């Protein structure tokens, strides 16, 4: 005589998993992150029917998705760092040159770039006549012309 369970195993829906995994106040997100994926996977394991465990292929597919997500987020961070380094190198080539930038009102400002600032929140800024301008406001770059009053630029006698 076959043995049967006294109670039937509950079926678990996606809504059950989502509500069981949220013990804190929910905030609207644009995209799921790594933590969300891991919470969902852990909750799925906790709520799965012991008589019908998750298939190996489904588990491997989910792990592959997690690996791809992790590699993608690492690549995004690396590209952001590369972009910041490239901006700094580009701005470095402007030191000592006459550059035309747009100010906040959209008016052109021309002057000699004397310094750079690399702020983590604002990015690279150029200093022209004591004022800072963002790198993306550059509209024209010219070599600076030597002045006749500067002894270093006078021809040798």
C-alpha atoms as a PDB file:
ATOM      1  CA  UNK A   1       0.000   0.000   0.000  1.00  0.00           C
ATOM      2  CA  UNK A   2       1.521   3.354  -1.029  1.00  0.00           C
ATOM      3  CA  UNK A   3       2.222   5.989   1.578  1.00  0.00           C
ATOM      4  CA  UNK A   4       0.641   9.357   0.930  1.00  0.00           C
ATOM      5  CA  UNK A   5       1.142  12.640   2.641  1.00  0.00           C
ATOM      6  CA  UNK A   6      -1.499  13.762   5.116  1.00  0.00           C
ATOM      7  CA  UNK A   7      -1.247  17.276   3.811  1.00  0.00           C
ATOM      8  CA  UNK A   8      -0.573  18.420   0.308  1.00  0.00           C
ATOM      9  CA  UNK A   9       2.395  20.659  -0.342  1.00  0.00           C
ATOM     10  CA  UNK A  10       1.416  24.257  -0.991  1.00  0.00           C
ATOM     11  CA  UNK A  11       2.052  25.631  -4.421  1.00  0.00           C
ATOM     12  CA  UNK A  12       4.321  28.652  -4.419  1.00  0.00           C
ATOM     13  CA  UNK A  13       3.697  31.531  -6.772  1.00  0.00           C
ATOM     14  CA  UNK A  14       5.983  34.396  -7.687  1.00  0.00           C
ATOM     15  CA  UNK A  15       3.792  36.742  -5.632  1.00  0.00           C
ATOM     16  CA  UNK A  16       4.277  34.525  -2.559  1.00  0.00           C
ATOM     17  CA  UNK A  17       8.054  34.591  -3.035  1.00  0.00           C
ATOM     18  CA  UNK A  18       8.121  38.347  -3.515  1.00  0.00           C
ATOM     19  CA  UNK A  19       5.972  39.053  -0.467  1.00  0.00           C
ATOM     20  CA  UNK A  20       7.956  36.640   1.715  1.00  0.00           C
ATOM     21  CA  UNK A  21      11.263  38.238   0.761  1.00  0.00           C
ATOM     22  CA  UNK A  22      10.219  41.815   1.558  1.00  0.00           C
ATOM     23  CA  UNK A  23      10.347  42.355   5.309  1.00  0.00           C
ATOM     24  CA  UNK A  24      11.209  46.037   4.988  1.00  0.00           C
ATOM     25  CA  UNK A  25       9.529  48.975   3.342  1.00  0.00           C
ATOM     26  CA  UNK A  26       9.630  48.647  -0.424  1.00  0.00           C
ATOM     27  CA  UNK A  27      11.105  51.350  -2.575  1.00  0.00           C
ATOM     28  CA  UNK A  28      10.435  51.585  -6.282  1.00  0.00           C
ATOM     29  CA  UNK A  29      13.485  50.562  -8.319  1.00  0.00           C
ATOM     30  CA  UNK A  30      14.175  50.873 -12.000  1.00  0.00           C
ATOM     31  CA  UNK A  31      16.061  47.587 -12.276  1.00  0.00           C
ATOM     32  CA  UNK A  32      16.803  44.558 -10.148  1.00  0.00           C
ATOM     33  CA  UNK A  33      20.290  44.374  -8.690  1.00  0.00           C
ATOM     34  CA  UNK A  34      22.516  41.600  -7.398  1.00  0.00           C
ATOM     35  CA  UNK A  35      21.071  41.748  -3.899  1.00  0.00           C
ATOM     36  CA  UNK A  36      17.528  41.454  -5.247  1.00  0.00           C
ATOM     37  CA  UNK A  37      18.497  38.443  -7.339  1.00  0.00           C
ATOM     38  CA  UNK A  38      20.143  36.681  -4.393  1.00  0.00           C
ATOM     39  CA  UNK A  39      17.176  37.388  -2.093  1.00  0.00           C
ATOM     40  CA  UNK A  40      14.767  36.040  -4.685  1.00  0.00           C
ATOM     41  CA  UNK A  41      16.878  32.920  -5.234  1.00  0.00           C
ATOM     42  CA  UNK A  42      17.230  32.251  -1.485  1.00  0.00           C
ATOM     43  CA  UNK A  43      13.509  32.710  -0.922  1.00  0.00           C
ATOM     44  CA  UNK A  44      12.763  30.424  -3.856  1.00  0.00           C
ATOM     45  CA  UNK A  45      14.910  27.716  -2.261  1.00  0.00           C
ATOM     46  CA  UNK A  46      13.189  28.170   1.106  1.00  0.00           C
ATOM     47  CA  UNK A  47       9.691  27.979  -0.335  1.00  0.00           C
ATOM     48  CA  UNK A  48      10.173  25.196  -2.867  1.00  0.00           C
ATOM     49  CA  UNK A  49       8.153  22.002  -2.557  1.00  0.00           C
ATOM     50  CA  UNK A  50      10.429  19.298  -1.077  1.00  0.00           C
ATOM     51  CA  UNK A  51       8.622  16.704  -3.164  1.00  0.00           C
ATOM     52  CA  UNK A  52       9.341  18.684  -6.350  1.00  0.00           C
ATOM     53  CA  UNK A  53      12.734  20.352  -5.921  1.00  0.00           C
ATOM     54  CA  UNK A  54      14.115  22.776  -8.451  1.00  0.00           C
ATOM     55  CA  UNK A  55      15.656  21.072 -11.447  1.00  0.00           C
ATOM     56  CA  UNK A  56      19.427  21.219 -11.907  1.00  0.00           C
ATOM     57  CA  UNK A  57      19.090  22.970 -15.252  1.00  0.00           C
ATOM     58  CA  UNK A  58      16.981  25.766 -13.741  1.00  0.00           C
ATOM     59  CA  UNK A  59      19.517  26.263 -10.947  1.00  0.00           C
ATOM     60  CA  UNK A  60      22.430  26.365 -13.418  1.00  0.00           C
ATOM     61  CA  UNK A  61      20.556  28.839 -15.623  1.00  0.00           C
ATOM     62  CA  UNK A  62      19.922  31.124 -12.656  1.00  0.00           C
ATOM     63  CA  UNK A  63      23.559  30.941 -11.567  1.00  0.00           C
ATOM     64  CA  UNK A  64      24.629  31.813 -15.128  1.00  0.00           C
ATOM     65  CA  UNK A  65      22.321  34.837 -15.051  1.00  0.00           C
ATOM     66  CA  UNK A  66      23.789  35.920 -11.720  1.00  0.00           C
ATOM     67  CA  UNK A  67      27.344  35.577 -13.066  1.00  0.00           C
ATOM     68  CA  UNK A  68      26.444  37.611 -16.148  1.00  0.00           C
ATOM     69  CA  UNK A  69      24.859  40.301 -13.960  1.00  0.00           C
ATOM     70  CA  UNK A  70      27.945  40.469 -11.738  1.00  0.00           C
ATOM     71  CA  UNK A  71      30.307  40.709 -14.721  1.00  0.00           C
ATOM     72  CA  UNK A  72      28.131  43.375 -16.309  1.00  0.00           C
ATOM     73  CA  UNK A  73      28.126  45.560 -13.196  1.00  0.00           C
ATOM     74  CA  UNK A  74      31.904  45.156 -12.856  1.00  0.00           C
ATOM     75  CA  UNK A  75      32.344  46.196 -16.487  1.00  0.00           C
ATOM     76  CA  UNK A  76      30.143  49.276 -15.980  1.00  0.00           C
ATOM     77  CA  UNK A  77      32.317  50.375 -13.032  1.00  0.00           C
ATOM     78  CA  UNK A  78      35.522  49.787 -15.003  1.00  0.00           C
ATOM     79  CA  UNK A  79      34.233  51.765 -17.991  1.00  0.00           C
ATOM     80  CA  UNK A  80      33.282  54.663 -15.700  1.00  0.00           C
ATOM     81  CA  UNK A  81      36.826  54.703 -14.272  1.00  0.00           C
ATOM     82  CA  UNK A  82      38.312  54.547 -17.767  1.00  0.00           C
ATOM     83  CA  UNK A  83      36.124  57.431 -18.865  1.00  0.00           C
ATOM     84  CA  UNK A  84      37.180  59.537 -15.865  1.00  0.00           C
ATOM     85  CA  UNK A  85      40.850  58.839 -16.595  1.00  0.00           C
ATOM     86  CA  UNK A  86      40.364  59.771 -20.257  1.00  0.00           C
ATOM     87  CA  UNK A  87      38.694  63.059 -19.280  1.00  0.00           C
ATOM     88  CA  UNK A  88      41.616  63.921 -17.024  1.00  0.00           C
ATOM     89  CA  UNK A  89      44.139  63.148 -19.772  1.00  0.00           C
ATOM     90  CA  UNK A  90      42.191  65.235 -22.280  1.00  0.00           C
ATOM     91  CA  UNK A  91      41.953  68.166 -19.875  1.00  0.00           C
ATOM     92  CA  UNK A  92      45.679  67.908 -19.119  1.00  0.00           C
ATOM     93  CA  UNK A  93      46.438  68.660 -22.754  1.00  0.00           C
ATOM     94  CA  UNK A  94      44.552  71.976 -22.412  1.00  0.00           C
ATOM     95  CA  UNK A  95      46.900  73.422 -19.765  1.00  0.00           C
ATOM     96  CA  UNK A  96      48.727  76.423 -21.223  1.00  0.00           C
ATOM     97  CA  UNK A  97      46.355  76.739 -24.172  1.00  0.00           C
ATOM     98  CA  UNK A  98      43.746  79.338 -25.005  1.00  0.00           C
ATOM     99  CA  UNK A  99      40.378  77.692 -24.689  1.00  0.00           C
ATOM    100  CA  UNK A 100      36.892  78.978 -25.391  1.00  0.00           C
ATOM    101  CA  UNK A 101      34.185  77.620 -23.095  1.00  0.00           C
ATOM    102  CA  UNK A 102      30.540  78.418 -22.513  1.00  0.00           C
ATOM    103  CA  UNK A 103      29.597  79.880 -19.149  1.00  0.00           C
ATOM    104  CA  UNK A 104      26.366  79.099 -17.295  1.00  0.00           C
ATOM    105  CA  UNK A 105      24.475  81.638 -19.412  1.00  0.00           C
ATOM    106  CA  UNK A 106      25.750  80.088 -22.656  1.00  0.00           C
ATOM    107  CA  UNK A 107      28.085  82.994 -23.432  1.00  0.00           C
ATOM    108  CA  UNK A 108      31.583  82.239 -24.748  1.00  0.00           C
ATOM    109  CA  UNK A 109      34.536  82.828 -22.432  1.00  0.00           C
ATOM    110  CA  UNK A 110      38.081  82.665 -23.830  1.00  0.00           C
ATOM    111  CA  UNK A 111      41.219  82.460 -21.750  1.00  0.00           C
ATOM    112  CA  UNK A 112      44.349  80.567 -20.808  1.00  0.00           C
ATOM    113  CA  UNK A 113      43.849  77.293 -18.922  1.00  0.00           C
ATOM    114  CA  UNK A 114      46.003  77.546 -15.807  1.00  0.00           C
ATOM    115  CA  UNK A 115      44.850  74.564 -13.721  1.00  0.00           C
ATOM    116  CA  UNK A 116      42.614  71.497 -13.533  1.00  0.00           C
ATOM    117  CA  UNK A 117      40.409  70.174 -10.775  1.00  0.00           C
ATOM    118  CA  UNK A 118      39.269  66.557 -10.614  1.00  0.00           C
ATOM    119  CA  UNK A 119      36.233  66.372  -8.339  1.00  0.00           C
ATOM    120  CA  UNK A 120      34.490  62.980  -7.891  1.00  0.00           C
ATOM    121  CA  UNK A 121      31.031  64.551  -8.133  1.00  0.00           C
ATOM    122  CA  UNK A 122      31.602  67.323 -10.686  1.00  0.00           C
ATOM    123  CA  UNK A 123      34.248  65.622 -12.809  1.00  0.00           C
ATOM    124  CA  UNK A 124      37.137  67.483 -14.422  1.00  0.00           C
ATOM    125  CA  UNK A 125      36.966  71.280 -14.479  1.00  0.00           C
ATOM    126  CA  UNK A 126      39.286  73.784 -16.176  1.00  0.00           C
ATOM    127  CA  UNK A 127      40.434  76.960 -14.436  1.00  0.00           C
ATOM    128  CA  UNK A 128      40.384  80.021 -16.708  1.00  0.00           C
ATOM    129  CA  UNK A 129      41.015  83.479 -15.192  1.00  0.00           C
ATOM    130  CA  UNK A 130      40.368  82.075 -11.714  1.00  0.00           C
ATOM    131  CA  UNK A 131      36.963  80.565 -12.568  1.00  0.00           C
ATOM    132  CA  UNK A 132      36.158  76.886 -13.070  1.00  0.00           C
ATOM    133  CA  UNK A 133      34.374  75.524 -16.125  1.00  0.00           C
ATOM    134  CA  UNK A 134      33.357  71.910 -16.804  1.00  0.00           C
ATOM    135  CA  UNK A 135      35.338  70.027 -19.413  1.00  0.00           C
ATOM    136  CA  UNK A 136      32.252  69.428 -21.548  1.00  0.00           C
ATOM    137  CA  UNK A 137      31.777  73.205 -21.967  1.00  0.00           C
ATOM    138  CA  UNK A 138      34.909  73.505 -24.164  1.00  0.00           C
ATOM    139  CA  UNK A 139      34.060  74.828 -27.645  1.00  0.00           C
ATOM    140  CA  UNK A 140      37.454  75.818 -29.085  1.00  0.00           C
ATOM    141  CA  UNK A 141      41.126  75.091 -28.354  1.00  0.00           C
ATOM    142  CA  UNK A 142      44.025  77.199 -29.630  1.00  0.00           C
ATOM    143  CA  UNK A 143      47.745  77.154 -28.897  1.00  0.00           C
ATOM    144  CA  UNK A 144      48.773  80.008 -26.668  1.00  0.00           C
ATOM    145  CA  UNK A 145      50.854  82.676 -28.370  1.00  0.00           C
ATOM    146  CA  UNK A 146      54.141  83.704 -26.762  1.00  0.00           C
ATOM    147  CA  UNK A 147      54.202  87.238 -25.449  1.00  0.00           C
ATOM    148  CA  UNK A 148      57.108  89.582 -26.219  1.00  0.00           C
ATOM    149  CA  UNK A 149      57.301  90.667 -22.591  1.00  0.00           C
ATOM    150  CA  UNK A 150      58.025  87.156 -21.313  1.00  0.00           C
ATOM    151  CA  UNK A 151      61.846  86.681 -21.264  1.00  0.00           C
ATOM    152  CA  UNK A 152      61.489  82.914 -21.620  1.00  0.00           C
ATOM    153  CA  UNK A 153      59.816  83.295 -25.013  1.00  0.00           C
ATOM    154  CA  UNK A 154      62.264  85.817 -26.518  1.00  0.00           C
ATOM    155  CA  UNK A 155      64.605  84.502 -29.223  1.00  0.00           C
ATOM    156  CA  UNK A 156      68.225  83.967 -28.224  1.00  0.00           C
ATOM    157  CA  UNK A 157      70.517  86.837 -29.216  1.00  0.00           C
END
